[in-house]
């Protein structure tokens, strides 16, 4: 085996080490905070979403004040350089069941007797300088029944990266359990992405019957992933062998 081949094998093993260990951040909304705001607890119906959930994620379990938040994983690298924000015209709360086949969802809550309708549900993903957010998909479901809502869009600043009007949101027991939005081949990308769910056409009192879940995103450039020890040993061994061969030739 010549030196070029040895070096190619070593570099391929190194790349495989990075790729095999990479995971993506998936917001699954399994935790809320207690009424005092001090403790992390399993999701409580109607609890406000913790605004630090989804911030600077480096693993499937993240220690935070009061406990730990958990995340799903995909295949594009966790997101230590991305933060998340959740907002609507009123407030954003969490709910455990009843939204199709999804569990633990976000919804734009219409305050009882309040003058303001929850016209939109929004999630903003913002990357640190020098990085972009990549959005791979998310899920919507209706509360026990199907709905048609005004639209779904993804914005990056003034640019509209995705827009769909008159969106059918699945939720009843006889059809698909939810409506999926997937962008795996060409993820939506930008320094900041805004997912906007427009429910303004629904009657007040029904606008919170649309749940959002499983937001899947990564960052570019991807987070560095430590190589397995065996990969480092293999790569350093090959480089050492390259040095010995060069020494003998000289």
C-alpha atoms as a PDB file:
ATOM      1  CA  UNK A   1       0.000   0.000   0.000  1.00  0.00           C
ATOM      2  CA  UNK A   2       1.550   3.348  -0.992  1.00  0.00           C
ATOM      3  CA  UNK A   3       1.659   6.429   1.206  1.00  0.00           C
ATOM      4  CA  UNK A   4      -1.181   8.198  -0.610  1.00  0.00           C
ATOM      5  CA  UNK A   5      -3.477   5.215  -0.055  1.00  0.00           C
ATOM      6  CA  UNK A   6      -2.577   4.983   3.643  1.00  0.00           C
ATOM      7  CA  UNK A   7      -3.282   8.680   4.132  1.00  0.00           C
ATOM      8  CA  UNK A   8      -6.601   8.431   2.233  1.00  0.00           C
ATOM      9  CA  UNK A   9      -7.749   5.569   4.474  1.00  0.00           C
ATOM     10  CA  UNK A  10      -6.818   7.532   7.593  1.00  0.00           C
ATOM     11  CA  UNK A  11      -8.707  10.625   6.429  1.00  0.00           C
ATOM     12  CA  UNK A  12     -11.747   8.551   5.479  1.00  0.00           C
ATOM     13  CA  UNK A  13     -11.792   6.988   8.934  1.00  0.00           C
ATOM     14  CA  UNK A  14     -11.544  10.432  10.496  1.00  0.00           C
ATOM     15  CA  UNK A  15     -14.480  11.720   8.422  1.00  0.00           C
ATOM     16  CA  UNK A  16     -16.522   8.656   9.305  1.00  0.00           C
ATOM     17  CA  UNK A  17     -15.861   9.337  12.967  1.00  0.00           C
ATOM     18  CA  UNK A  18     -17.337  12.826  12.645  1.00  0.00           C
ATOM     19  CA  UNK A  19     -20.337  11.707  10.600  1.00  0.00           C
ATOM     20  CA  UNK A  20     -21.202   8.694  12.735  1.00  0.00           C
ATOM     21  CA  UNK A  21     -21.321  10.697  15.966  1.00  0.00           C
ATOM     22  CA  UNK A  22     -23.361  13.633  14.634  1.00  0.00           C
ATOM     23  CA  UNK A  23     -26.960  14.150  15.747  1.00  0.00           C
ATOM     24  CA  UNK A  24     -29.596  16.791  15.025  1.00  0.00           C
ATOM     25  CA  UNK A  25     -31.682  18.777  17.481  1.00  0.00           C
ATOM     26  CA  UNK A  26     -35.385  17.867  17.604  1.00  0.00           C
ATOM     27  CA  UNK A  27     -37.657  19.942  19.835  1.00  0.00           C
ATOM     28  CA  UNK A  28     -40.058  17.467  21.458  1.00  0.00           C
ATOM     29  CA  UNK A  29     -41.354  19.657  24.314  1.00  0.00           C
ATOM     30  CA  UNK A  30     -41.365  16.958  26.999  1.00  0.00           C
ATOM     31  CA  UNK A  31     -40.792  19.303  29.929  1.00  0.00           C
ATOM     32  CA  UNK A  32     -42.309  22.444  31.389  1.00  0.00           C
ATOM     33  CA  UNK A  33     -41.517  24.384  34.546  1.00  0.00           C
ATOM     34  CA  UNK A  34     -43.354  24.241  37.843  1.00  0.00           C
ATOM     35  CA  UNK A  35     -45.749  26.991  38.892  1.00  0.00           C
ATOM     36  CA  UNK A  36     -42.934  28.581  40.875  1.00  0.00           C
ATOM     37  CA  UNK A  37     -40.716  28.544  37.783  1.00  0.00           C
ATOM     38  CA  UNK A  38     -37.857  26.913  39.682  1.00  0.00           C
ATOM     39  CA  UNK A  39     -38.192  23.197  38.863  1.00  0.00           C
ATOM     40  CA  UNK A  40     -38.264  21.317  35.557  1.00  0.00           C
ATOM     41  CA  UNK A  41     -41.230  18.918  35.547  1.00  0.00           C
ATOM     42  CA  UNK A  42     -42.966  16.653  32.998  1.00  0.00           C
ATOM     43  CA  UNK A  43     -45.188  18.619  30.654  1.00  0.00           C
ATOM     44  CA  UNK A  44     -48.199  20.218  32.328  1.00  0.00           C
ATOM     45  CA  UNK A  45     -51.241  21.044  30.191  1.00  0.00           C
ATOM     46  CA  UNK A  46     -51.534  24.777  29.776  1.00  0.00           C
ATOM     47  CA  UNK A  47     -48.064  25.581  31.125  1.00  0.00           C
ATOM     48  CA  UNK A  48     -46.102  28.316  29.407  1.00  0.00           C
ATOM     49  CA  UNK A  49     -43.292  26.989  27.228  1.00  0.00           C
ATOM     50  CA  UNK A  50     -39.877  27.498  28.867  1.00  0.00           C
ATOM     51  CA  UNK A  51     -38.183  30.139  26.747  1.00  0.00           C
ATOM     52  CA  UNK A  52     -34.757  28.545  27.312  1.00  0.00           C
ATOM     53  CA  UNK A  53     -35.886  25.215  25.847  1.00  0.00           C
ATOM     54  CA  UNK A  54     -33.961  24.684  22.598  1.00  0.00           C
ATOM     55  CA  UNK A  55     -31.130  27.064  23.407  1.00  0.00           C
ATOM     56  CA  UNK A  56     -27.539  26.015  22.609  1.00  0.00           C
ATOM     57  CA  UNK A  57     -28.267  22.279  22.538  1.00  0.00           C
ATOM     58  CA  UNK A  58     -25.231  19.983  22.766  1.00  0.00           C
ATOM     59  CA  UNK A  59     -26.875  16.638  23.580  1.00  0.00           C
ATOM     60  CA  UNK A  60     -30.115  14.706  24.054  1.00  0.00           C
ATOM     61  CA  UNK A  61     -30.237  15.730  27.732  1.00  0.00           C
ATOM     62  CA  UNK A  62     -29.208  19.199  28.891  1.00  0.00           C
ATOM     63  CA  UNK A  63     -28.838  20.297  32.499  1.00  0.00           C
ATOM     64  CA  UNK A  64     -30.624  23.598  33.160  1.00  0.00           C
ATOM     65  CA  UNK A  65     -31.616  25.430  36.345  1.00  0.00           C
ATOM     66  CA  UNK A  66     -34.115  23.212  38.137  1.00  0.00           C
ATOM     67  CA  UNK A  67     -33.452  19.959  36.262  1.00  0.00           C
ATOM     68  CA  UNK A  68     -32.864  18.889  32.660  1.00  0.00           C
ATOM     69  CA  UNK A  69     -34.469  19.347  29.255  1.00  0.00           C
ATOM     70  CA  UNK A  70     -34.548  16.454  26.771  1.00  0.00           C
ATOM     71  CA  UNK A  71     -34.394  16.499  22.980  1.00  0.00           C
ATOM     72  CA  UNK A  72     -34.815  14.108  20.089  1.00  0.00           C
ATOM     73  CA  UNK A  73     -31.974  13.509  17.670  1.00  0.00           C
ATOM     74  CA  UNK A  74     -31.634  13.254  13.926  1.00  0.00           C
ATOM     75  CA  UNK A  75     -28.522  13.234  11.777  1.00  0.00           C
ATOM     76  CA  UNK A  76     -27.232  16.722  11.125  1.00  0.00           C
ATOM     77  CA  UNK A  77     -25.423  17.766  14.299  1.00  0.00           C
ATOM     78  CA  UNK A  78     -26.625  19.332  17.546  1.00  0.00           C
ATOM     79  CA  UNK A  79     -26.931  23.098  17.707  1.00  0.00           C
ATOM     80  CA  UNK A  80     -24.762  24.758  20.387  1.00  0.00           C
ATOM     81  CA  UNK A  81     -24.794  27.991  18.351  1.00  0.00           C
ATOM     82  CA  UNK A  82     -28.584  28.347  17.947  1.00  0.00           C
ATOM     83  CA  UNK A  83     -31.244  29.725  20.296  1.00  0.00           C
ATOM     84  CA  UNK A  84     -35.040  29.365  20.151  1.00  0.00           C
ATOM     85  CA  UNK A  85     -37.903  31.753  20.894  1.00  0.00           C
ATOM     86  CA  UNK A  86     -41.645  31.006  21.049  1.00  0.00           C
ATOM     87  CA  UNK A  87     -44.355  33.657  20.760  1.00  0.00           C
ATOM     88  CA  UNK A  88     -47.856  34.481  19.512  1.00  0.00           C
ATOM     89  CA  UNK A  89     -50.305  37.367  19.667  1.00  0.00           C
ATOM     90  CA  UNK A  90     -51.235  36.152  23.159  1.00  0.00           C
ATOM     91  CA  UNK A  91     -49.081  33.453  24.775  1.00  0.00           C
ATOM     92  CA  UNK A  92     -47.656  30.038  23.860  1.00  0.00           C
ATOM     93  CA  UNK A  93     -48.490  27.067  26.042  1.00  0.00           C
ATOM     94  CA  UNK A  94     -47.898  23.307  26.006  1.00  0.00           C
ATOM     95  CA  UNK A  95     -50.375  20.413  25.862  1.00  0.00           C
ATOM     96  CA  UNK A  96     -49.781  16.694  26.297  1.00  0.00           C
ATOM     97  CA  UNK A  97     -52.408  14.774  24.280  1.00  0.00           C
ATOM     98  CA  UNK A  98     -55.410  15.108  21.977  1.00  0.00           C
ATOM     99  CA  UNK A  99     -53.531  16.574  19.004  1.00  0.00           C
ATOM    100  CA  UNK A 100     -53.747  13.715  16.499  1.00  0.00           C
ATOM    101  CA  UNK A 101     -51.004  11.179  17.138  1.00  0.00           C
ATOM    102  CA  UNK A 102     -48.604  13.813  18.485  1.00  0.00           C
ATOM    103  CA  UNK A 103     -47.765  14.122  22.164  1.00  0.00           C
ATOM    104  CA  UNK A 104     -46.522  17.241  23.917  1.00  0.00           C
ATOM    105  CA  UNK A 105     -47.157  20.117  21.522  1.00  0.00           C
ATOM    106  CA  UNK A 106     -47.043  23.897  21.411  1.00  0.00           C
ATOM    107  CA  UNK A 107     -50.144  25.970  20.781  1.00  0.00           C
ATOM    108  CA  UNK A 108     -51.064  29.640  20.587  1.00  0.00           C
ATOM    109  CA  UNK A 109     -53.427  30.072  23.521  1.00  0.00           C
ATOM    110  CA  UNK A 110     -56.397  32.420  23.331  1.00  0.00           C
ATOM    111  CA  UNK A 111     -56.802  33.936  26.781  1.00  0.00           C
ATOM    112  CA  UNK A 112     -60.318  33.350  28.176  1.00  0.00           C
ATOM    113  CA  UNK A 113     -62.325  36.527  27.716  1.00  0.00           C
ATOM    114  CA  UNK A 114     -59.286  38.309  26.314  1.00  0.00           C
ATOM    115  CA  UNK A 115     -59.638  40.933  23.596  1.00  0.00           C
ATOM    116  CA  UNK A 116     -56.761  39.577  21.510  1.00  0.00           C
ATOM    117  CA  UNK A 117     -57.042  36.579  19.212  1.00  0.00           C
ATOM    118  CA  UNK A 118     -54.086  34.205  18.816  1.00  0.00           C
ATOM    119  CA  UNK A 119     -53.715  34.792  15.087  1.00  0.00           C
ATOM    120  CA  UNK A 120     -50.270  33.210  14.717  1.00  0.00           C
ATOM    121  CA  UNK A 121     -48.013  30.703  16.446  1.00  0.00           C
ATOM    122  CA  UNK A 122     -44.332  31.511  15.916  1.00  0.00           C
ATOM    123  CA  UNK A 123     -40.991  29.854  16.580  1.00  0.00           C
ATOM    124  CA  UNK A 124     -37.817  31.794  15.874  1.00  0.00           C
ATOM    125  CA  UNK A 125     -34.478  29.964  15.533  1.00  0.00           C
ATOM    126  CA  UNK A 126     -31.496  32.329  15.598  1.00  0.00           C
ATOM    127  CA  UNK A 127     -27.859  31.417  14.958  1.00  0.00           C
ATOM    128  CA  UNK A 128     -24.795  33.092  16.426  1.00  0.00           C
ATOM    129  CA  UNK A 129     -22.690  35.253  14.068  1.00  0.00           C
ATOM    130  CA  UNK A 130     -20.889  33.121  11.512  1.00  0.00           C
ATOM    131  CA  UNK A 131     -23.523  30.341  11.572  1.00  0.00           C
ATOM    132  CA  UNK A 132     -26.763  29.514   9.780  1.00  0.00           C
ATOM    133  CA  UNK A 133     -29.797  27.563  10.995  1.00  0.00           C
ATOM    134  CA  UNK A 134     -30.964  24.669   8.826  1.00  0.00           C
ATOM    135  CA  UNK A 135     -34.610  23.623   9.170  1.00  0.00           C
ATOM    136  CA  UNK A 136     -35.417  20.018   8.215  1.00  0.00           C
ATOM    137  CA  UNK A 137     -39.080  19.868   9.188  1.00  0.00           C
ATOM    138  CA  UNK A 138     -41.863  20.032  11.768  1.00  0.00           C
ATOM    139  CA  UNK A 139     -45.318  18.534  12.437  1.00  0.00           C
ATOM    140  CA  UNK A 140     -48.788  19.992  12.963  1.00  0.00           C
ATOM    141  CA  UNK A 141     -51.934  18.318  14.272  1.00  0.00           C
ATOM    142  CA  UNK A 142     -55.507  19.333  15.083  1.00  0.00           C
ATOM    143  CA  UNK A 143     -57.189  18.803  18.425  1.00  0.00           C
ATOM    144  CA  UNK A 144     -59.222  15.602  17.790  1.00  0.00           C
ATOM    145  CA  UNK A 145     -60.457  16.799  14.373  1.00  0.00           C
ATOM    146  CA  UNK A 146     -59.046  18.053  11.062  1.00  0.00           C
ATOM    147  CA  UNK A 147     -58.751  21.760  10.361  1.00  0.00           C
ATOM    148  CA  UNK A 148     -57.905  24.029   7.436  1.00  0.00           C
ATOM    149  CA  UNK A 149     -55.797  27.003   8.483  1.00  0.00           C
ATOM    150  CA  UNK A 150     -54.776  30.156   6.600  1.00  0.00           C
ATOM    151  CA  UNK A 151     -51.222  29.090   5.991  1.00  0.00           C
ATOM    152  CA  UNK A 152     -47.757  27.987   7.044  1.00  0.00           C
ATOM    153  CA  UNK A 153     -44.602  29.887   6.204  1.00  0.00           C
ATOM    154  CA  UNK A 154     -40.901  29.982   7.012  1.00  0.00           C
ATOM    155  CA  UNK A 155     -39.164  33.355   6.811  1.00  0.00           C
ATOM    156  CA  UNK A 156     -35.562  34.486   6.970  1.00  0.00           C
ATOM    157  CA  UNK A 157     -35.563  38.218   7.552  1.00  0.00           C
ATOM    158  CA  UNK A 158     -37.563  39.761   4.697  1.00  0.00           C
ATOM    159  CA  UNK A 159     -37.206  36.623   2.542  1.00  0.00           C
ATOM    160  CA  UNK A 160     -39.938  33.965   2.386  1.00  0.00           C
ATOM    161  CA  UNK A 161     -38.268  30.548   2.134  1.00  0.00           C
ATOM    162  CA  UNK A 162     -41.488  28.516   2.241  1.00  0.00           C
ATOM    163  CA  UNK A 163     -45.163  29.398   2.042  1.00  0.00           C
ATOM    164  CA  UNK A 164     -48.304  27.302   1.730  1.00  0.00           C
ATOM    165  CA  UNK A 165     -51.876  28.615   1.930  1.00  0.00           C
ATOM    166  CA  UNK A 166     -55.079  26.828   2.989  1.00  0.00           C
ATOM    167  CA  UNK A 167     -53.218  24.095   4.846  1.00  0.00           C
ATOM    168  CA  UNK A 168     -55.101  20.962   5.868  1.00  0.00           C
ATOM    169  CA  UNK A 169     -54.037  19.954   9.373  1.00  0.00           C
ATOM    170  CA  UNK A 170     -54.830  16.330  10.202  1.00  0.00           C
ATOM    171  CA  UNK A 171     -56.046  15.367  13.646  1.00  0.00           C
ATOM    172  CA  UNK A 172     -58.979  12.966  13.670  1.00  0.00           C
ATOM    173  CA  UNK A 173     -58.761   9.254  14.382  1.00  0.00           C
ATOM    174  CA  UNK A 174     -59.736   8.025  10.905  1.00  0.00           C
ATOM    175  CA  UNK A 175     -56.920   9.499   8.819  1.00  0.00           C
ATOM    176  CA  UNK A 176     -53.274  10.449   9.159  1.00  0.00           C
ATOM    177  CA  UNK A 177     -52.447  11.453  12.708  1.00  0.00           C
ATOM    178  CA  UNK A 178     -50.715  14.694  11.756  1.00  0.00           C
ATOM    179  CA  UNK A 179     -49.512  16.857   8.871  1.00  0.00           C
ATOM    180  CA  UNK A 180     -45.763  16.784   8.265  1.00  0.00           C
ATOM    181  CA  UNK A 181     -43.607  19.475   6.681  1.00  0.00           C
ATOM    182  CA  UNK A 182     -40.272  18.011   5.594  1.00  0.00           C
ATOM    183  CA  UNK A 183     -37.283  19.595   3.854  1.00  0.00           C
ATOM    184  CA  UNK A 184     -34.636  16.822   4.025  1.00  0.00           C
ATOM    185  CA  UNK A 185     -33.059  17.206   0.574  1.00  0.00           C
ATOM    186  CA  UNK A 186     -32.867  21.012   0.643  1.00  0.00           C
ATOM    187  CA  UNK A 187     -33.210  22.277   4.224  1.00  0.00           C
ATOM    188  CA  UNK A 188     -34.357  25.852   4.652  1.00  0.00           C
ATOM    189  CA  UNK A 189     -31.354  27.877   5.751  1.00  0.00           C
ATOM    190  CA  UNK A 190     -30.520  31.332   7.071  1.00  0.00           C
ATOM    191  CA  UNK A 191     -28.943  33.212   9.985  1.00  0.00           C
ATOM    192  CA  UNK A 192     -32.430  33.385  11.511  1.00  0.00           C
ATOM    193  CA  UNK A 193     -35.545  31.370  10.637  1.00  0.00           C
ATOM    194  CA  UNK A 194     -39.117  32.131  11.658  1.00  0.00           C
ATOM    195  CA  UNK A 195     -41.735  29.372  11.532  1.00  0.00           C
ATOM    196  CA  UNK A 196     -45.142  31.034  11.349  1.00  0.00           C
ATOM    197  CA  UNK A 197     -48.424  29.134  11.687  1.00  0.00           C
ATOM    198  CA  UNK A 198     -51.330  31.376  10.617  1.00  0.00           C
ATOM    199  CA  UNK A 199     -54.582  30.370  12.364  1.00  0.00           C
ATOM    200  CA  UNK A 200     -56.375  33.713  12.019  1.00  0.00           C
ATOM    201  CA  UNK A 201     -59.222  32.145  10.035  1.00  0.00           C
ATOM    202  CA  UNK A 202     -60.251  29.968  12.984  1.00  0.00           C
ATOM    203  CA  UNK A 203     -62.849  31.215  15.441  1.00  0.00           C
ATOM    204  CA  UNK A 204     -61.655  32.564  18.779  1.00  0.00           C
ATOM    205  CA  UNK A 205     -61.622  29.565  21.069  1.00  0.00           C
ATOM    206  CA  UNK A 206     -60.515  27.262  18.242  1.00  0.00           C
ATOM    207  CA  UNK A 207     -57.225  28.913  17.398  1.00  0.00           C
ATOM    208  CA  UNK A 208     -55.436  26.909  20.088  1.00  0.00           C
ATOM    209  CA  UNK A 209     -56.625  23.665  18.484  1.00  0.00           C
ATOM    210  CA  UNK A 210     -53.534  23.580  16.255  1.00  0.00           C
ATOM    211  CA  UNK A 211     -50.468  21.940  17.832  1.00  0.00           C
ATOM    212  CA  UNK A 212     -46.842  22.213  16.673  1.00  0.00           C
ATOM    213  CA  UNK A 213     -44.244  19.518  17.436  1.00  0.00           C
ATOM    214  CA  UNK A 214     -40.994  17.811  16.374  1.00  0.00           C
ATOM    215  CA  UNK A 215     -39.139  20.837  15.041  1.00  0.00           C
ATOM    216  CA  UNK A 216     -35.989  19.385  13.473  1.00  0.00           C
ATOM    217  CA  UNK A 217     -33.017  21.653  12.825  1.00  0.00           C
ATOM    218  CA  UNK A 218     -29.246  21.810  12.593  1.00  0.00           C
ATOM    219  CA  UNK A 219     -26.597  24.455  12.105  1.00  0.00           C
ATOM    220  CA  UNK A 220     -23.953  25.271   9.506  1.00  0.00           C
ATOM    221  CA  UNK A 221     -21.088  24.930   9.927  1.00  0.00           C
ATOM    222  CA  UNK A 222     -21.941  21.867  12.020  1.00  0.00           C
ATOM    223  CA  UNK A 223     -20.775  21.534  15.589  1.00  0.00           C
ATOM    224  CA  UNK A 224     -17.421  19.767  16.023  1.00  0.00           C
ATOM    225  CA  UNK A 225     -17.847  16.189  17.247  1.00  0.00           C
ATOM    226  CA  UNK A 226     -15.013  14.479  19.164  1.00  0.00           C
ATOM    227  CA  UNK A 227     -13.638  11.451  17.361  1.00  0.00           C
ATOM    228  CA  UNK A 228     -13.703   8.012  18.984  1.00  0.00           C
ATOM    229  CA  UNK A 229     -10.370   7.120  20.562  1.00  0.00           C
ATOM    230  CA  UNK A 230      -9.797   4.291  18.071  1.00  0.00           C
ATOM    231  CA  UNK A 231     -10.101   6.709  15.168  1.00  0.00           C
ATOM    232  CA  UNK A 232      -7.521   9.050  16.668  1.00  0.00           C
ATOM    233  CA  UNK A 233      -5.154   6.143  17.256  1.00  0.00           C
ATOM    234  CA  UNK A 234      -5.620   4.861  13.728  1.00  0.00           C
ATOM    235  CA  UNK A 235      -5.077   8.264  12.185  1.00  0.00           C
ATOM    236  CA  UNK A 236      -2.030   9.076  14.325  1.00  0.00           C
ATOM    237  CA  UNK A 237      -0.577   5.625  13.591  1.00  0.00           C
ATOM    238  CA  UNK A 238      -0.877   6.192   9.868  1.00  0.00           C
ATOM    239  CA  UNK A 239       0.742   9.608  10.145  1.00  0.00           C
ATOM    240  CA  UNK A 240       3.538   8.067  12.232  1.00  0.00           C
ATOM    241  CA  UNK A 241       4.069   5.413   9.575  1.00  0.00           C
ATOM    242  CA  UNK A 242       4.230   8.144   6.947  1.00  0.00           C
ATOM    243  CA  UNK A 243       6.994   9.831   8.967  1.00  0.00           C
ATOM    244  CA  UNK A 244       8.993   6.574   9.257  1.00  0.00           C
ATOM    245  CA  UNK A 245       8.789   5.943   5.518  1.00  0.00           C
ATOM    246  CA  UNK A 246       9.931   9.475   4.734  1.00  0.00           C
ATOM    247  CA  UNK A 247      12.838   9.091   7.190  1.00  0.00           C
ATOM    248  CA  UNK A 248      13.990   5.842   5.556  1.00  0.00           C
ATOM    249  CA  UNK A 249      13.820   7.403   2.099  1.00  0.00           C
ATOM    250  CA  UNK A 250      15.968  10.287   3.241  1.00  0.00           C
END
